Amino acid sequence: MSSRKRLIAGFWATALGPFVTLLVQLVSVPLFLRHWGTHLYGEWLIMSALPMYLSISDMGFGSVAGNDMTLRVAVNDYPGALETFQSTWVLLAGISIAVGMTALAFILTTPLASWLQIQPLSLREVRLILILLSLYSLGVLQASVLLSGFRSDGHYPLGALSTNIVRFAENAGVLAVLVLHGGPLRVAVTLATVRGVGTIFVSIMLTYTLPWIRFGYAHATWQRIRQLGRPSFAFVAFPAGNALSVQGMTLLIGMLMGPVAVATFNPMRTLSRCPYQVIDSIKNAVWPELSAAYGAQKHDLARKLHRSSCQVAFWFALIAVLGLAAIGPEIFRIWTHGRVTMNVPCFHILLLVVVASSLWNTSSAVSVAANRHELLALQYIVGTSGSLALGYLLIRHFGLVGAAYALLACDIWMGGFVVRASNELLDDHTIDFVRSMVSLRRLISLSGI
């Protein structure tokens, strides 16, 4: 299959994920509000935010392993790719056990219900929910190493499709529980169960598609783990930064303004980020192709992939955001059935966040695909941490608008250097890159890849 065909297949397979997310969110938010009410829904958001931090405990080894395997497969080093896969799988299995036991001890020995100001649920229910959500998060952690196998040998579209089928199944299960008037505990049970079954399904699909990949420890080596250590520890800044930005801001708003404010802010942010879902699909589709091009030293192809993907992402974000600015408030009113009142100034700032992030986030695929992302990762964790600190100050004075401004500041911070770093890695000129962003000819350049 050619690069162009893999890009198209990869985009559509990846785009299914945002489509599932969007569909579920459009349906689930009104159902949550209808069956649980604003207060209980806000408390669920707070509880579900905490275990998501466990999904970053792979320390980036899954994604970095995928890059390493892709670079090796590009030069037919399949034994080396298998060594990377098994080394990473053994490491993540050990980490999952250790992190799971630590999380269990913390949940059972701390008064989390009072800390999080959760009132309708008992301490026992809160603990059970957090344990189940922790198991779910550890299942999500395993998905990174499974997807790395598909990505390494030109089967990223199949891996993305299988992963998104699991996501669709678990979210469909949640919606079914809501319709049947189930509470938070039943929702948590559903998520953990479907994720466990889905992980087994994707594992079987991987070994059937790529017979050279085998689960086990015979080819795992400590030396390979150490080789991947530095880029992996750097990569963890991305999921950690995302957690700080999404779950961290949710917790911060909850502590400073209460669950009702969370139930107002999160749906607005979800609606504003609808374009970002497609943007992320563009990045994920071009990622394995950039790794393969970089590994085979096809720098002309890599530069073309970089420019084209960034331009498409930027212009799509701009057009989509203008549309949401016009009709977003009405969509929000219909979506929430009037149970939540939109803060329009806050929503407009959140739309600016999407535009600001579209270009740098897509461009960051270059550094990530080449396992040369240490500086980018450092800047991202500094930016998201600073965003929370700034948010603490601004929320106290400006409420939800302050939270939106804090998120925008982070993306402006990142946009200052990511594109330049990517162009330096590809021996491209930043000025020429910027000019290409407004070229109509460049918009259709993907058809020639």
Foldseek 3Di string as FASTA:
>chain_A
DDLLVLLVLLLVLLLLQLVLVVVLLLPVLQLCCVLPNLAQVLLLLLLLLVLLVLLLQLLQLLLLLLLVLQLCVLVPNLLVNQQSLQQSVVSLVVSLVVVLVVQLVVLVPDQVCVVLVPPPDDSVLSSLLNNLSNLLSSLSSLLSSLLSLCLNNSNNSVSSNLVSVLVSQLSVLLVVCSVVSHDSNSNSVSSNVSSVVSSVVSVVVSCVVPVSHDHDNPSYDPVSCVVSVPLSNLSSLVSVLVSLLPSVLSSLLCVPPNSSLSSQLVVLLVLLCSLVSSLVSLLSSCLSVLSSCVSVVVLVVNVLSLLQSLLVQLVSLVVVLVVCLVCVQVSVCVSNVNSHHHPSLLSNLSSLLSNLQSRLVSLLSNCSSNSNCNVLSVLSNVLSVQLSVQLNVQCVPPNSSSNSVSSSSSSNSSSPPRNVVSCVVSVHDSVVSVVSSPDPVSNPCSVVD
